[in-house]
């Protein structure tokens, strides 16, 4: 079985999603990227669509003008700064 990520997506006031998943996809100024289990630790500013590939097989999607993503271990924290 694939290793899982724990992802939290929040805006300035609410937690929009907190779940286990297999992938998180988004884009920064360099281009689109995917976060999978055992991804390198990093922080990035991003914009556009966020797609979370849930363990159930369903995808959760939202869009934003600007946000910050931080990956440490298999924990992904996404903060939407401008919706």
PDB file of N, CA and C in Angstrom:
ATOM      1  N   UNK A   1       0.843  -1.187   0.000  1.00  0.00           N
ATOM      2  CA  UNK A   1       0.000   0.000   0.000  1.00  0.00           C
ATOM      3  C   UNK A   1       0.886   1.248   0.000  1.00  0.00           C
ATOM      4  N   UNK A   2       0.466   2.270  -0.740  1.00  0.00           N
ATOM      5  CA  UNK A   2       1.224   3.518  -0.819  1.00  0.00           C
ATOM      6  C   UNK A   2       1.243   4.234   0.523  1.00  0.00           C
ATOM      7  N   UNK A   3       2.362   4.884   0.791  1.00  0.00           N
ATOM      8  CA  UNK A   3       2.473   5.692   1.995  1.00  0.00           C
ATOM      9  C   UNK A   3       1.593   6.930   1.853  1.00  0.00           C
ATOM     10  N   UNK A   4       1.045   7.406   2.967  1.00  0.00           N
ATOM     11  CA  UNK A   4       0.091   8.510   2.932  1.00  0.00           C
ATOM     12  C   UNK A   4       0.705   9.805   3.444  1.00  0.00           C
ATOM     13  N   UNK A   5       0.092  10.891   3.023  1.00  0.00           N
ATOM     14  CA  UNK A   5       0.396  12.223   3.523  1.00  0.00           C
ATOM     15  C   UNK A   5      -0.732  12.651   4.447  1.00  0.00           C
ATOM     16  N   UNK A   6      -0.424  13.537   5.382  1.00  0.00           N
ATOM     17  CA  UNK A   6      -1.471  14.196   6.156  1.00  0.00           C
ATOM     18  C   UNK A   6      -1.506  15.633   5.666  1.00  0.00           C
ATOM     19  N   UNK A   7      -2.647  16.081   5.170  1.00  0.00           N
ATOM     20  CA  UNK A   7      -2.751  17.427   4.614  1.00  0.00           C
ATOM     21  C   UNK A   7      -3.802  18.237   5.367  1.00  0.00           C
ATOM     22  N   UNK A   8      -3.471  19.497   5.601  1.00  0.00           N
ATOM     23  CA  UNK A   8      -4.407  20.460   6.159  1.00  0.00           C
ATOM     24  C   UNK A   8      -4.431  21.667   5.236  1.00  0.00           C
ATOM     25  N   UNK A   9      -5.623  22.053   4.810  1.00  0.00           N
ATOM     26  CA  UNK A   9      -5.799  23.247   3.983  1.00  0.00           C
ATOM     27  C   UNK A   9      -6.652  24.212   4.787  1.00  0.00           C
ATOM     28  N   UNK A  10      -6.159  25.441   4.937  1.00  0.00           N
ATOM     29  CA  UNK A  10      -6.917  26.436   5.700  1.00  0.00           C
ATOM     30  C   UNK A  10      -6.823  27.788   5.013  1.00  0.00           C
ATOM     31  N   UNK A  11      -7.784  28.631   5.314  1.00  0.00           N
ATOM     32  CA  UNK A  11      -7.691  30.022   4.906  1.00  0.00           C
ATOM     33  C   UNK A  11      -7.437  30.839   6.166  1.00  0.00           C
ATOM     34  N   UNK A  12      -7.668  32.133   6.120  1.00  0.00           N
ATOM     35  CA  UNK A  12      -7.345  32.974   7.276  1.00  0.00           C
ATOM     36  C   UNK A  12      -8.216  32.690   8.493  1.00  0.00           C
ATOM     37  N   UNK A  13      -9.398  32.100   8.286  1.00  0.00           N
ATOM     38  CA  UNK A  13     -10.322  31.909   9.401  1.00  0.00           C
ATOM     39  C   UNK A  13     -10.741  30.463   9.669  1.00  0.00           C
ATOM     40  N   UNK A  14     -10.667  29.594   8.659  1.00  0.00           N
ATOM     41  CA  UNK A  14     -11.223  28.247   8.812  1.00  0.00           C
ATOM     42  C   UNK A  14     -10.288  27.160   8.292  1.00  0.00           C
ATOM     43  N   UNK A  15     -10.452  25.962   8.851  1.00  0.00           N
ATOM     44  CA  UNK A  15      -9.813  24.771   8.282  1.00  0.00           C
ATOM     45  C   UNK A  15     -10.777  24.241   7.228  1.00  0.00           C
ATOM     46  N   UNK A  16     -10.335  24.210   5.978  1.00  0.00           N
ATOM     47  CA  UNK A  16     -11.186  23.774   4.869  1.00  0.00           C
ATOM     48  C   UNK A  16     -11.130  22.266   4.652  1.00  0.00           C
ATOM     49  N   UNK A  17      -9.975  21.668   4.961  1.00  0.00           N
ATOM     50  CA  UNK A  17      -9.789  20.232   4.748  1.00  0.00           C
ATOM     51  C   UNK A  17      -8.686  19.738   5.666  1.00  0.00           C
ATOM     52  N   UNK A  18      -8.928  18.616   6.298  1.00  0.00           N
ATOM     53  CA  UNK A  18      -7.909  17.943   7.104  1.00  0.00           C
ATOM     54  C   UNK A  18      -8.117  16.453   6.872  1.00  0.00           C
ATOM     55  N   UNK A  19      -7.162  15.805   6.179  1.00  0.00           N
ATOM     56  CA  UNK A  19      -7.370  14.420   5.770  1.00  0.00           C
ATOM     57  C   UNK A  19      -6.044  13.743   5.456  1.00  0.00           C
ATOM     58  N   UNK A  20      -6.097  12.429   5.295  1.00  0.00           N
ATOM     59  CA  UNK A  20      -4.968  11.691   4.736  1.00  0.00           C
ATOM     60  C   UNK A  20      -5.166  11.622   3.233  1.00  0.00           C
ATOM     61  N   UNK A  21      -4.063  11.652   2.505  1.00  0.00           N
ATOM     62  CA  UNK A  21      -4.165  11.613   1.046  1.00  0.00           C
ATOM     63  C   UNK A  21      -2.919  10.960   0.467  1.00  0.00           C
ATOM     64  N   UNK A  22      -2.959  10.734  -0.839  1.00  0.00           N
ATOM     65  CA  UNK A  22      -1.802  10.185  -1.544  1.00  0.00           C
ATOM     66  C   UNK A  22      -1.021  11.255  -2.287  1.00  0.00           C
ATOM     67  N   UNK A  23      -1.678  12.384  -2.628  1.00  0.00           N
ATOM     68  CA  UNK A  23      -0.985  13.420  -3.395  1.00  0.00           C
ATOM     69  C   UNK A  23      -1.632  14.780  -3.191  1.00  0.00           C
ATOM     70  N   UNK A  24      -0.810  15.818  -3.370  1.00  0.00           N
ATOM     71  CA  UNK A  24      -1.284  17.200  -3.403  1.00  0.00           C
ATOM     72  C   UNK A  24      -0.631  17.835  -4.623  1.00  0.00           C
ATOM     73  N   UNK A  25      -1.434  18.455  -5.480  1.00  0.00           N
ATOM     74  CA  UNK A  25      -0.920  19.066  -6.709  1.00  0.00           C
ATOM     75  C   UNK A  25      -1.272  20.543  -6.736  1.00  0.00           C
ATOM     76  N   UNK A  26      -0.327  21.355  -7.205  1.00  0.00           N
ATOM     77  CA  UNK A  26      -0.520  22.798  -7.324  1.00  0.00           C
ATOM     78  C   UNK A  26       0.558  23.352  -8.231  1.00  0.00           C
ATOM     79  N   UNK A  27       0.640  24.672  -8.361  1.00  0.00           N
ATOM     80  CA  UNK A  27       1.651  25.285  -9.225  1.00  0.00           C
ATOM     81  C   UNK A  27       2.222  26.529  -8.561  1.00  0.00           C
ATOM     82  N   UNK A  28       3.516  26.763  -8.804  1.00  0.00           N
ATOM     83  CA  UNK A  28       4.147  28.006  -8.373  1.00  0.00           C
ATOM     84  C   UNK A  28       4.653  28.734  -9.613  1.00  0.00           C
ATOM     85  N   UNK A  29       5.488  29.749  -9.439  1.00  0.00           N
ATOM     86  CA  UNK A  29       5.936  30.543 -10.594  1.00  0.00           C
ATOM     87  C   UNK A  29       6.794  29.744 -11.574  1.00  0.00           C
ATOM     88  N   UNK A  30       7.367  28.628 -11.134  1.00  0.00           N
ATOM     89  CA  UNK A  30       8.178  27.788 -12.016  1.00  0.00           C
ATOM     90  C   UNK A  30       7.300  26.842 -12.830  1.00  0.00           C
ATOM     91  N   UNK A  31       6.187  26.416 -12.250  1.00  0.00           N
ATOM     92  CA  UNK A  31       5.279  25.520 -12.954  1.00  0.00           C
ATOM     93  C   UNK A  31       4.558  24.582 -12.007  1.00  0.00           C
ATOM     94  N   UNK A  32       3.790  23.628 -12.540  1.00  0.00           N
ATOM     95  CA  UNK A  32       3.040  22.691 -11.706  1.00  0.00           C
ATOM     96  C   UNK A  32       3.958  21.689 -11.003  1.00  0.00           C
ATOM     97  N   UNK A  33       3.511  21.245  -9.821  1.00  0.00           N
ATOM     98  CA  UNK A  33       4.267  20.222  -9.095  1.00  0.00           C
ATOM     99  C   UNK A  33       3.327  19.361  -8.274  1.00  0.00           C
ATOM    100  N   UNK A  34       3.781  18.155  -7.967  1.00  0.00           N
ATOM    101  CA  UNK A  34       3.040  17.199  -7.145  1.00  0.00           C
ATOM    102  C   UNK A  34       3.831  16.913  -5.885  1.00  0.00           C
ATOM    103  N   UNK A  35       3.118  16.774  -4.788  1.00  0.00           N
ATOM    104  CA  UNK A  35       3.717  16.376  -3.519  1.00  0.00           C
ATOM    105  C   UNK A  35       3.231  14.965  -3.228  1.00  0.00           C
ATOM    106  N   UNK A  36       4.166  14.053  -3.083  1.00  0.00           N
ATOM    107  CA  UNK A  36       3.873  12.658  -2.765  1.00  0.00           C
ATOM    108  C   UNK A  36       4.574  12.305  -1.462  1.00  0.00           C
ATOM    109  N   UNK A  37       4.291  11.138  -0.901  1.00  0.00           N
ATOM    110  CA  UNK A  37       4.952  10.685   0.327  1.00  0.00           C
ATOM    111  C   UNK A  37       6.463  10.725   0.143  1.00  0.00           C
ATOM    112  N   UNK A  38       7.158  11.065   1.212  1.00  0.00           N
ATOM    113  CA  UNK A  38       8.622  11.155   1.261  1.00  0.00           C
ATOM    114  C   UNK A  38       9.176  12.269   0.373  1.00  0.00           C
ATOM    115  N   UNK A  39       8.350  13.268   0.074  1.00  0.00           N
ATOM    116  CA  UNK A  39       8.805  14.435  -0.687  1.00  0.00           C
ATOM    117  C   UNK A  39       9.834  15.188   0.150  1.00  0.00           C
ATOM    118  N   UNK A  40      10.742  15.882  -0.498  1.00  0.00           N
ATOM    119  CA  UNK A  40      11.712  16.722   0.211  1.00  0.00           C
ATOM    120  C   UNK A  40      10.971  17.807   0.992  1.00  0.00           C
ATOM    121  N   UNK A  41      11.521  18.175   2.143  1.00  0.00           N
ATOM    122  CA  UNK A  41      10.952  19.267   2.915  1.00  0.00           C
ATOM    123  C   UNK A  41      11.133  20.565   2.141  1.00  0.00           C
ATOM    124  N   UNK A  42      10.098  21.398   2.104  1.00  0.00           N
ATOM    125  CA  UNK A  42      10.229  22.683   1.430  1.00  0.00           C
ATOM    126  C   UNK A  42       9.065  23.595   1.764  1.00  0.00           C
ATOM    127  N   UNK A  43       9.231  24.868   1.393  1.00  0.00           N
ATOM    128  CA  UNK A  43       8.189  25.882   1.516  1.00  0.00           C
ATOM    129  C   UNK A  43       8.096  26.584   0.173  1.00  0.00           C
ATOM    130  N   UNK A  44       6.870  26.875  -0.287  1.00  0.00           N
ATOM    131  CA  UNK A  44       6.696  27.557  -1.571  1.00  0.00           C
ATOM    132  C   UNK A  44       5.451  28.427  -1.537  1.00  0.00           C
ATOM    133  N   UNK A  45       5.493  29.512  -2.281  1.00  0.00           N
ATOM    134  CA  UNK A  45       4.303  30.304  -2.563  1.00  0.00           C
ATOM    135  C   UNK A  45       3.685  29.700  -3.818  1.00  0.00           C
ATOM    136  N   UNK A  46       2.360  29.626  -3.881  1.00  0.00           N
ATOM    137  CA  UNK A  46       1.694  29.035  -5.040  1.00  0.00           C
ATOM    138  C   UNK A  46       0.456  29.844  -5.388  1.00  0.00           C
ATOM    139  N   UNK A  47      -0.120  29.535  -6.541  1.00  0.00           N
ATOM    140  CA  UNK A  47      -1.392  30.142  -6.936  1.00  0.00           C
ATOM    141  C   UNK A  47      -2.129  29.179  -7.860  1.00  0.00           C
ATOM    142  N   UNK A  48      -3.423  29.430  -8.026  1.00  0.00           N
ATOM    143  CA  UNK A  48      -4.218  28.584  -8.912  1.00  0.00           C
ATOM    144  C   UNK A  48      -4.927  27.469  -8.168  1.00  0.00           C
ATOM    145  N   UNK A  49      -5.065  26.347  -8.835  1.00  0.00           N
ATOM    146  CA  UNK A  49      -5.828  25.225  -8.295  1.00  0.00           C
ATOM    147  C   UNK A  49      -4.989  24.341  -7.379  1.00  0.00           C
ATOM    148  N   UNK A  50      -5.619  23.878  -6.310  1.00  0.00           N
ATOM    149  CA  UNK A  50      -5.047  22.879  -5.406  1.00  0.00           C
ATOM    150  C   UNK A  50      -5.882  21.619  -5.601  1.00  0.00           C
ATOM    151  N   UNK A  51      -5.225  20.483  -5.831  1.00  0.00           N
ATOM    152  CA  UNK A  51      -5.930  19.210  -5.991  1.00  0.00           C
ATOM    153  C   UNK A  51      -5.350  18.225  -4.982  1.00  0.00           C
ATOM    154  N   UNK A  52      -6.215  17.692  -4.124  1.00  0.00           N
ATOM    155  CA  UNK A  52      -5.805  16.704  -3.123  1.00  0.00           C
ATOM    156  C   UNK A  52      -6.373  15.358  -3.546  1.00  0.00           C
ATOM    157  N   UNK A  53      -5.484  14.383  -3.782  1.00  0.00           N
ATOM    158  CA  UNK A  53      -5.900  13.027  -4.147  1.00  0.00           C
ATOM    159  C   UNK A  53      -6.157  12.214  -2.894  1.00  0.00           C
ATOM    160  N   UNK A  54      -7.414  12.127  -2.501  1.00  0.00           N
ATOM    161  CA  UNK A  54      -7.778  11.454  -1.253  1.00  0.00           C
ATOM    162  C   UNK A  54      -7.561   9.944  -1.328  1.00  0.00           C
ATOM    163  N   UNK A  55      -7.429   9.340  -0.164  1.00  0.00           N
ATOM    164  CA  UNK A  55      -7.243   7.895  -0.049  1.00  0.00           C
ATOM    165  C   UNK A  55      -8.442   7.156  -0.648  1.00  0.00           C
ATOM    166  N   UNK A  56      -9.629   7.741  -0.555  1.00  0.00           N
ATOM    167  CA  UNK A  56     -10.851   7.115  -1.089  1.00  0.00           C
ATOM    168  C   UNK A  56     -10.869   7.060  -2.616  1.00  0.00           C
ATOM    169  N   UNK A  57      -9.941   7.780  -3.249  1.00  0.00           N
ATOM    170  CA  UNK A  57      -9.925   7.845  -4.707  1.00  0.00           C
ATOM    171  C   UNK A  57     -10.568   9.112  -5.243  1.00  0.00           C
ATOM    172  N   UNK A  58     -11.321   9.808  -4.403  1.00  0.00           N
ATOM    173  CA  UNK A  58     -11.933  11.072  -4.810  1.00  0.00           C
ATOM    174  C   UNK A  58     -10.903  12.193  -4.755  1.00  0.00           C
ATOM    175  N   UNK A  59     -11.161  13.243  -5.509  1.00  0.00           N
ATOM    176  CA  UNK A  59     -10.282  14.409  -5.494  1.00  0.00           C
ATOM    177  C   UNK A  59     -11.015  15.589  -4.880  1.00  0.00           C
ATOM    178  N   UNK A  60     -10.314  16.327  -4.042  1.00  0.00           N
ATOM    179  CA  UNK A  60     -10.826  17.568  -3.469  1.00  0.00           C
ATOM    180  C   UNK A  60     -10.098  18.699  -4.167  1.00  0.00           C
ATOM    181  N   UNK A  61     -10.847  19.707  -4.640  1.00  0.00           N
ATOM    182  CA  UNK A  61     -10.234  20.802  -5.389  1.00  0.00           C
ATOM    183  C   UNK A  61     -10.714  22.146  -4.872  1.00  0.00           C
ATOM    184  N   UNK A  62      -9.832  23.129  -4.950  1.00  0.00           N
ATOM    185  CA  UNK A  62     -10.198  24.517  -4.694  1.00  0.00           C
ATOM    186  C   UNK A  62      -9.207  25.401  -5.435  1.00  0.00           C
ATOM    187  N   UNK A  63      -9.537  26.665  -5.562  1.00  0.00           N
ATOM    188  CA  UNK A  63      -8.657  27.613  -6.247  1.00  0.00           C
ATOM    189  C   UNK A  63      -8.354  28.780  -5.325  1.00  0.00           C
ATOM    190  N   UNK A  64      -7.212  29.407  -5.573  1.00  0.00           N
ATOM    191  CA  UNK A  64      -6.865  30.599  -4.813  1.00  0.00           C
ATOM    192  C   UNK A  64      -5.947  31.495  -5.639  1.00  0.00           C
ATOM    193  N   UNK A  65      -5.902  32.756  -5.255  1.00  0.00           N
ATOM    194  CA  UNK A  65      -5.012  33.715  -5.910  1.00  0.00           C
ATOM    195  C   UNK A  65      -3.574  33.557  -5.424  1.00  0.00           C
ATOM    196  N   UNK A  66      -3.432  33.245  -4.117  1.00  0.00           N
ATOM    197  CA  UNK A  66      -2.089  33.133  -3.547  1.00  0.00           C
ATOM    198  C   UNK A  66      -2.156  32.344  -2.246  1.00  0.00           C
ATOM    199  N   UNK A  67      -1.146  31.499  -2.039  1.00  0.00           N
ATOM    200  CA  UNK A  67      -1.067  30.726  -0.812  1.00  0.00           C
ATOM    201  C   UNK A  67       0.355  30.283  -0.536  1.00  0.00           C
ATOM    202  N   UNK A  68       0.528  29.654   0.616  1.00  0.00           N
ATOM    203  CA  UNK A  68       1.830  29.122   1.023  1.00  0.00           C
ATOM    204  C   UNK A  68       1.644  27.647   1.343  1.00  0.00           C
ATOM    205  N   UNK A  69       2.577  26.820   0.880  1.00  0.00           N
ATOM    206  CA  UNK A  69       2.565  25.399   1.216  1.00  0.00           C
ATOM    207  C   UNK A  69       3.875  25.071   1.925  1.00  0.00           C
ATOM    208  N   UNK A  70       3.773  24.269   2.988  1.00  0.00           N
ATOM    209  CA  UNK A  70       4.958  23.800   3.712  1.00  0.00           C
ATOM    210  C   UNK A  70       4.864  22.287   3.814  1.00  0.00           C
ATOM    211  N   UNK A  71       5.956  21.621   3.464  1.00  0.00           N
ATOM    212  CA  UNK A  71       6.035  20.166   3.554  1.00  0.00           C
ATOM    213  C   UNK A  71       7.157  19.812   4.516  1.00  0.00           C
ATOM    214  N   UNK A  72       6.832  19.061   5.559  1.00  0.00           N
ATOM    215  CA  UNK A  72       7.822  18.556   6.511  1.00  0.00           C
ATOM    216  C   UNK A  72       7.475  17.097   6.757  1.00  0.00           C
ATOM    217  N   UNK A  73       8.396  16.213   6.379  1.00  0.00           N
ATOM    218  CA  UNK A  73       8.090  14.784   6.471  1.00  0.00           C
ATOM    219  C   UNK A  73       6.926  14.489   5.542  1.00  0.00           C
ATOM    220  N   UNK A  74       5.938  13.803   6.035  1.00  0.00           N
ATOM    221  CA  UNK A  74       4.744  13.506   5.236  1.00  0.00           C
ATOM    222  C   UNK A  74       3.554  14.355   5.666  1.00  0.00           C
ATOM    223  N   UNK A  75       3.846  15.552   6.176  1.00  0.00           N
ATOM    224  CA  UNK A  75       2.813  16.488   6.608  1.00  0.00           C
ATOM    225  C   UNK A  75       2.836  17.700   5.687  1.00  0.00           C
ATOM    226  N   UNK A  76       1.689  18.005   5.095  1.00  0.00           N
ATOM    227  CA  UNK A  76       1.559  19.124   4.160  1.00  0.00           C
ATOM    228  C   UNK A  76       0.590  20.135   4.761  1.00  0.00           C
ATOM    229  N   UNK A  77       1.073  21.358   4.973  1.00  0.00           N
ATOM    230  CA  UNK A  77       0.236  22.447   5.471  1.00  0.00           C
ATOM    231  C   UNK A  77       0.075  23.475   4.367  1.00  0.00           C
ATOM    232  N   UNK A  78      -1.175  23.762   4.015  1.00  0.00           N
ATOM    233  CA  UNK A  78      -1.492  24.726   2.966  1.00  0.00           C
ATOM    234  C   UNK A  78      -2.281  25.864   3.605  1.00  0.00           C
ATOM    235  N   UNK A  79      -1.822  27.093   3.381  1.00  0.00           N
ATOM    236  CA  UNK A  79      -2.535  28.269   3.872  1.00  0.00           C
ATOM    237  C   UNK A  79      -2.907  29.124   2.669  1.00  0.00           C
ATOM    238  N   UNK A  80      -4.202  29.330   2.485  1.00  0.00           N
ATOM    239  CA  UNK A  80      -4.697  30.178   1.404  1.00  0.00           C
ATOM    240  C   UNK A  80      -4.716  31.611   1.920  1.00  0.00           C
ATOM    241  N   UNK A  81      -3.932  32.477   1.291  1.00  0.00           N
ATOM    242  CA  UNK A  81      -3.826  33.864   1.725  1.00  0.00           C
ATOM    243  C   UNK A  81      -4.844  34.763   1.033  1.00  0.00           C
ATOM    244  N   UNK A  82      -5.094  34.502  -0.257  1.00  0.00           N
ATOM    245  CA  UNK A  82      -6.075  35.272  -1.030  1.00  0.00           C
ATOM    246  C   UNK A  82      -6.920  34.306  -1.839  1.00  0.00           C
ATOM    247  N   UNK A  83      -8.229  34.363  -1.632  1.00  0.00           N
ATOM    248  CA  UNK A  83      -9.122  33.435  -2.339  1.00  0.00           C
ATOM    249  C   UNK A  83      -9.594  33.977  -3.606  1.00  0.00           C
TER     250      UNK A  83
END
